[in-house]
Amino acid sequence: MEKLNKTNRNFLNRCIMSILSFMGLCSAPCLIECAYGTSSADYAFKGTITDEEGLPLSNVSVALFQMEREEILQNGVEALKQRILSQSDDGEYKSISNEKGKYSLSSETDGPYVFTLFYLKEGYEMKDTTLYWNQLTIKGKSGTYDGKGTATIDIVLKKEQNAGYGQN
């Protein structure tokens, strides 16, 4: 009888442990791998912005989004331009080029590993570029730290072509 009680207790304990383990995994606030730690990385983007003649452009707004271009443009180009030019800090990383046309952006991320940069200056066509993590030079990986990814992106902005401009 005592052996049967011990067997029942062992079975009951295993059932309870299984249920508690399952509840722990299900109650994680995000994907399962988040419960056990996800890798993070630093990134830095810098470069020079010039016009078609090679002259540096100052006061160019640069915005970095951690998503694909198509996803960013869902609300239209004009809405994106307003978002880039706004002074609010709504989760994007922003920079403005200096008098030499230089800009830089940096921060930390734990994913996703796609970056889209938009360049905007009044009187010039908006330009964008998308980079993936594996396109960056990555240094310093250790443990769950993926290292620092860097990229130098030099951009040439073209003047906007206004319809009817210069025509009689």
C-alpha atoms as a PDB file:
ATOM      1  CA  MET A   1       0.000   0.000   0.000  1.00  0.00           C
ATOM      2  CA  GLU A   2       2.800   2.384   0.905  1.00  0.00           C
ATOM      3  CA  LYS A   3       4.542   1.605  -2.424  1.00  0.00           C
ATOM      4  CA  LEU A   4       1.341   2.481  -4.288  1.00  0.00           C
ATOM      5  CA  ASN A   5       1.070   5.815  -2.425  1.00  0.00           C
ATOM      6  CA  LYS A   6       4.699   6.631  -3.280  1.00  0.00           C
ATOM      7  CA  THR A   7       4.071   5.822  -6.968  1.00  0.00           C
ATOM      8  CA  ASN A   8       0.937   7.970  -6.972  1.00  0.00           C
ATOM      9  CA  ARG A   9       2.825  10.836  -5.303  1.00  0.00           C
ATOM     10  CA  ASN A  10       5.650  10.628  -7.852  1.00  0.00           C
ATOM     11  CA  PHE A  11       3.154  10.641 -10.715  1.00  0.00           C
ATOM     12  CA  LEU A  12       1.236  13.565  -9.193  1.00  0.00           C
ATOM     13  CA  ASN A  13       4.482  15.518  -8.624  1.00  0.00           C
ATOM     14  CA  ARG A  14       5.529  14.983 -12.251  1.00  0.00           C
ATOM     15  CA  CYS A  15       2.129  16.128 -13.490  1.00  0.00           C
ATOM     16  CA  ILE A  16       2.261  19.266 -11.351  1.00  0.00           C
ATOM     17  CA  MET A  17       5.837  20.053 -12.480  1.00  0.00           C
ATOM     18  CA  SER A  18       4.859  19.587 -16.123  1.00  0.00           C
ATOM     19  CA  ILE A  19       1.863  21.893 -15.763  1.00  0.00           C
ATOM     20  CA  LEU A  20       3.919  24.563 -13.968  1.00  0.00           C
ATOM     21  CA  SER A  21       6.675  24.385 -16.602  1.00  0.00           C
ATOM     22  CA  PHE A  22       4.149  24.714 -19.397  1.00  0.00           C
ATOM     23  CA  MET A  23       2.505  27.680 -17.633  1.00  0.00           C
ATOM     24  CA  GLY A  24       5.898  29.397 -17.321  1.00  0.00           C
ATOM     25  CA  LEU A  25       6.556  29.114 -21.038  1.00  0.00           C
ATOM     26  CA  CYS A  26       3.048  30.242 -21.961  1.00  0.00           C
ATOM     27  CA  SER A  27       3.143  33.285 -19.704  1.00  0.00           C
ATOM     28  CA  ALA A  28       6.343  34.727 -21.227  1.00  0.00           C
ATOM     29  CA  PRO A  29       5.591  38.281 -22.470  1.00  0.00           C
ATOM     30  CA  CYS A  30       6.860  37.599 -26.001  1.00  0.00           C
ATOM     31  CA  LEU A  31       8.205  34.797 -28.141  1.00  0.00           C
ATOM     32  CA  ILE A  32       9.666  31.846 -26.251  1.00  0.00           C
ATOM     33  CA  GLU A  33      13.265  32.794 -27.028  1.00  0.00           C
ATOM     34  CA  CYS A  34      12.672  36.107 -25.193  1.00  0.00           C
ATOM     35  CA  ALA A  35      12.104  34.196 -21.991  1.00  0.00           C
ATOM     36  CA  TYR A  36      15.663  32.929 -22.186  1.00  0.00           C
ATOM     37  CA  GLY A  37      17.341  36.075 -23.520  1.00  0.00           C
ATOM     38  CA  THR A  38      17.776  37.385 -27.025  1.00  0.00           C
ATOM     39  CA  SER A  39      20.874  38.745 -28.589  1.00  0.00           C
ATOM     40  CA  SER A  40      21.339  42.472 -28.942  1.00  0.00           C
ATOM     41  CA  ALA A  41      23.647  44.596 -31.027  1.00  0.00           C
ATOM     42  CA  ASP A  42      24.762  48.160 -31.487  1.00  0.00           C
ATOM     43  CA  TYR A  43      24.668  49.794 -34.867  1.00  0.00           C
ATOM     44  CA  ALA A  44      26.078  52.990 -36.335  1.00  0.00           C
ATOM     45  CA  PHE A  45      25.301  54.629 -39.661  1.00  0.00           C
ATOM     46  CA  LYS A  46      27.207  57.634 -40.929  1.00  0.00           C
ATOM     47  CA  GLY A  47      28.015  59.314 -44.186  1.00  0.00           C
ATOM     48  CA  THR A  48      28.015  62.455 -46.274  1.00  0.00           C
ATOM     49  CA  ILE A  49      25.103  63.936 -48.200  1.00  0.00           C
ATOM     50  CA  THR A  50      25.868  65.942 -51.330  1.00  0.00           C
ATOM     51  CA  ASP A  51      24.002  67.400 -54.284  1.00  0.00           C
ATOM     52  CA  GLU A  52      24.528  66.312 -57.893  1.00  0.00           C
ATOM     53  CA  GLU A  53      27.494  68.667 -58.217  1.00  0.00           C
ATOM     54  CA  GLY A  54      29.250  67.108 -55.224  1.00  0.00           C
ATOM     55  CA  LEU A  55      28.612  70.031 -52.867  1.00  0.00           C
ATOM     56  CA  PRO A  56      27.727  69.096 -49.266  1.00  0.00           C
ATOM     57  CA  LEU A  57      24.102  69.595 -48.214  1.00  0.00           C
ATOM     58  CA  SER A  58      23.407  70.798 -44.687  1.00  0.00           C
ATOM     59  CA  ASN A  59      20.148  70.489 -42.750  1.00  0.00           C
ATOM     60  CA  VAL A  60      19.105  67.257 -44.473  1.00  0.00           C
ATOM     61  CA  SER A  61      16.744  65.289 -42.229  1.00  0.00           C
ATOM     62  CA  VAL A  62      17.802  61.665 -41.891  1.00  0.00           C
ATOM     63  CA  ALA A  63      15.449  59.137 -40.300  1.00  0.00           C
ATOM     64  CA  LEU A  64      16.167  55.512 -39.507  1.00  0.00           C
ATOM     65  CA  PHE A  65      13.405  52.916 -39.294  1.00  0.00           C
ATOM     66  CA  GLN A  66      13.867  49.287 -38.301  1.00  0.00           C
ATOM     67  CA  MET A  67      11.512  47.870 -40.911  1.00  0.00           C
ATOM     68  CA  GLU A  68      11.133  47.377 -44.647  1.00  0.00           C
ATOM     69  CA  ARG A  69      10.529  50.369 -46.966  1.00  0.00           C
ATOM     70  CA  GLU A  70       7.086  49.144 -48.091  1.00  0.00           C
ATOM     71  CA  GLU A  71       5.866  48.906 -44.498  1.00  0.00           C
ATOM     72  CA  ILE A  72       7.003  52.467 -43.781  1.00  0.00           C
ATOM     73  CA  LEU A  73       5.268  53.881 -46.865  1.00  0.00           C
ATOM     74  CA  GLN A  74       1.869  52.302 -46.087  1.00  0.00           C
ATOM     75  CA  ASN A  75       0.368  55.673 -45.137  1.00  0.00           C
ATOM     76  CA  GLY A  76       1.812  57.467 -48.171  1.00  0.00           C
ATOM     77  CA  VAL A  77       4.849  59.566 -49.000  1.00  0.00           C
ATOM     78  CA  GLU A  78       3.448  62.872 -47.698  1.00  0.00           C
ATOM     79  CA  ALA A  79       2.627  61.323 -44.309  1.00  0.00           C
ATOM     80  CA  LEU A  80       6.160  59.938 -44.132  1.00  0.00           C
ATOM     81  CA  LYS A  81       7.672  63.341 -44.957  1.00  0.00           C
ATOM     82  CA  GLN A  82       5.663  64.952 -42.151  1.00  0.00           C
ATOM     83  CA  ARG A  83       6.746  62.197 -39.773  1.00  0.00           C
ATOM     84  CA  ILE A  84      10.426  62.686 -40.654  1.00  0.00           C
ATOM     85  CA  LEU A  85      10.249  66.472 -40.309  1.00  0.00           C
ATOM     86  CA  SER A  86       8.339  66.386 -37.009  1.00  0.00           C
ATOM     87  CA  GLN A  87      10.290  67.148 -33.892  1.00  0.00           C
ATOM     88  CA  SER A  88       8.587  64.412 -31.876  1.00  0.00           C
ATOM     89  CA  ASP A  89      10.527  61.432 -30.637  1.00  0.00           C
ATOM     90  CA  ASP A  90       8.169  58.649 -31.674  1.00  0.00           C
ATOM     91  CA  GLY A  91      10.559  55.730 -31.711  1.00  0.00           C
ATOM     92  CA  GLU A  92      12.538  56.605 -34.815  1.00  0.00           C
ATOM     93  CA  TYR A  93      16.140  57.596 -34.806  1.00  0.00           C
ATOM     94  CA  LYS A  94      16.738  60.962 -36.471  1.00  0.00           C
ATOM     95  CA  SER A  95      19.688  63.117 -37.420  1.00  0.00           C
ATOM     96  CA  ILE A  96      20.343  66.304 -39.394  1.00  0.00           C
ATOM     97  CA  SER A  97      23.394  66.755 -41.595  1.00  0.00           C
ATOM     98  CA  ASN A  98      25.885  69.452 -40.601  1.00  0.00           C
ATOM     99  CA  GLU A  99      27.415  72.161 -42.818  1.00  0.00           C
ATOM    100  CA  LYS A 100      29.842  69.594 -44.284  1.00  0.00           C
ATOM    101  CA  GLY A 101      26.943  67.293 -45.185  1.00  0.00           C
ATOM    102  CA  LYS A 102      27.922  64.760 -42.494  1.00  0.00           C
ATOM    103  CA  TYR A 103      25.358  62.795 -40.486  1.00  0.00           C
ATOM    104  CA  SER A 104      25.462  59.918 -37.998  1.00  0.00           C
ATOM    105  CA  LEU A 105      22.931  57.731 -36.225  1.00  0.00           C
ATOM    106  CA  SER A 106      23.543  55.040 -33.633  1.00  0.00           C
ATOM    107  CA  SER A 107      21.660  52.987 -31.086  1.00  0.00           C
ATOM    108  CA  GLU A 108      21.072  49.458 -29.824  1.00  0.00           C
ATOM    109  CA  THR A 109      18.607  46.870 -31.069  1.00  0.00           C
ATOM    110  CA  ASP A 110      17.561  43.336 -30.287  1.00  0.00           C
ATOM    111  CA  GLY A 111      16.024  42.915 -33.748  1.00  0.00           C
ATOM    112  CA  PRO A 112      14.749  43.086 -36.365  1.00  0.00           C
ATOM    113  CA  TYR A 113      17.861  43.250 -38.421  1.00  0.00           C
ATOM    114  CA  VAL A 114      16.612  45.377 -41.308  1.00  0.00           C
ATOM    115  CA  PHE A 115      17.268  49.121 -41.429  1.00  0.00           C
ATOM    116  CA  THR A 116      15.765  51.692 -43.806  1.00  0.00           C
ATOM    117  CA  LEU A 117      17.150  55.224 -43.899  1.00  0.00           C
ATOM    118  CA  PHE A 118      15.283  58.143 -45.482  1.00  0.00           C
ATOM    119  CA  TYR A 119      16.939  61.411 -46.523  1.00  0.00           C
ATOM    120  CA  LEU A 120      14.773  64.509 -46.905  1.00  0.00           C
ATOM    121  CA  LYS A 121      15.515  68.156 -47.734  1.00  0.00           C
ATOM    122  CA  GLU A 122      13.123  70.748 -49.130  1.00  0.00           C
ATOM    123  CA  GLY A 123      13.689  71.280 -52.842  1.00  0.00           C
ATOM    124  CA  TYR A 124      15.269  67.838 -53.293  1.00  0.00           C
ATOM    125  CA  GLU A 125      13.833  64.417 -54.063  1.00  0.00           C
ATOM    126  CA  MET A 126      13.457  62.156 -51.032  1.00  0.00           C
ATOM    127  CA  LYS A 127      15.862  59.221 -51.125  1.00  0.00           C
ATOM    128  CA  ASP A 128      16.004  55.995 -49.139  1.00  0.00           C
ATOM    129  CA  THR A 129      18.251  53.000 -48.697  1.00  0.00           C
ATOM    130  CA  THR A 130      17.635  49.657 -46.994  1.00  0.00           C
ATOM    131  CA  LEU A 131      20.330  47.579 -45.331  1.00  0.00           C
ATOM    132  CA  TYR A 132      20.227  44.154 -43.752  1.00  0.00           C
ATOM    133  CA  TRP A 133      22.311  43.164 -40.759  1.00  0.00           C
ATOM    134  CA  ASN A 134      24.491  40.794 -42.801  1.00  0.00           C
ATOM    135  CA  GLN A 135      25.509  43.713 -45.072  1.00  0.00           C
ATOM    136  CA  LEU A 136      27.140  45.570 -42.175  1.00  0.00           C
ATOM    137  CA  THR A 137      30.685  45.239 -40.897  1.00  0.00           C
ATOM    138  CA  ILE A 138      30.213  43.502 -37.538  1.00  0.00           C
ATOM    139  CA  LYS A 139      32.836  43.422 -34.774  1.00  0.00           C
ATOM    140  CA  GLY A 140      32.963  42.343 -31.132  1.00  0.00           C
ATOM    141  CA  LYS A 141      30.555  39.394 -30.956  1.00  0.00           C
ATOM    142  CA  SER A 142      30.492  37.629 -27.581  1.00  0.00           C
ATOM    143  CA  GLY A 143      27.769  35.554 -25.934  1.00  0.00           C
ATOM    144  CA  THR A 144      24.339  36.995 -26.615  1.00  0.00           C
ATOM    145  CA  TYR A 145      25.906  40.286 -27.746  1.00  0.00           C
ATOM    146  CA  ASP A 146      26.059  40.220 -31.553  1.00  0.00           C
ATOM    147  CA  GLY A 147      28.614  43.023 -31.686  1.00  0.00           C
ATOM    148  CA  LYS A 148      28.573  46.404 -33.348  1.00  0.00           C
ATOM    149  CA  GLY A 149      27.476  46.814 -36.944  1.00  0.00           C
ATOM    150  CA  THR A 150      28.668  49.851 -38.864  1.00  0.00           C
ATOM    151  CA  ALA A 151      28.001  51.248 -42.313  1.00  0.00           C
ATOM    152  CA  THR A 152      29.120  54.369 -44.145  1.00  0.00           C
ATOM    153  CA  ILE A 153      26.436  55.519 -46.564  1.00  0.00           C
ATOM    154  CA  ASP A 154      27.188  58.483 -48.812  1.00  0.00           C
ATOM    155  CA  ILE A 155      24.099  59.870 -50.542  1.00  0.00           C
ATOM    156  CA  VAL A 156      23.590  62.167 -53.539  1.00  0.00           C
ATOM    157  CA  LEU A 157      20.276  64.054 -53.548  1.00  0.00           C
ATOM    158  CA  LYS A 158      18.751  65.289 -56.793  1.00  0.00           C
ATOM    159  CA  LYS A 159      16.822  68.541 -57.085  1.00  0.00           C
ATOM    160  CA  GLU A 160      13.068  68.103 -57.400  1.00  0.00           C
ATOM    161  CA  GLN A 161      11.646  68.433 -60.879  1.00  0.00           C
ATOM    162  CA  ASN A 162       8.559  70.639 -60.598  1.00  0.00           C
ATOM    163  CA  ALA A 163       5.910  70.030 -63.260  1.00  0.00           C
ATOM    164  CA  GLY A 164       5.743  73.036 -65.557  1.00  0.00           C
ATOM    165  CA  TYR A 165       8.807  74.691 -64.020  1.00  0.00           C
ATOM    166  CA  GLY A 166      10.565  76.912 -66.542  1.00  0.00           C
ATOM    167  CA  GLN A 167       7.879  76.452 -69.180  1.00  0.00           C
ATOM    168  CA  ASN A 168       5.845  79.264 -70.715  1.00  0.00           C
END
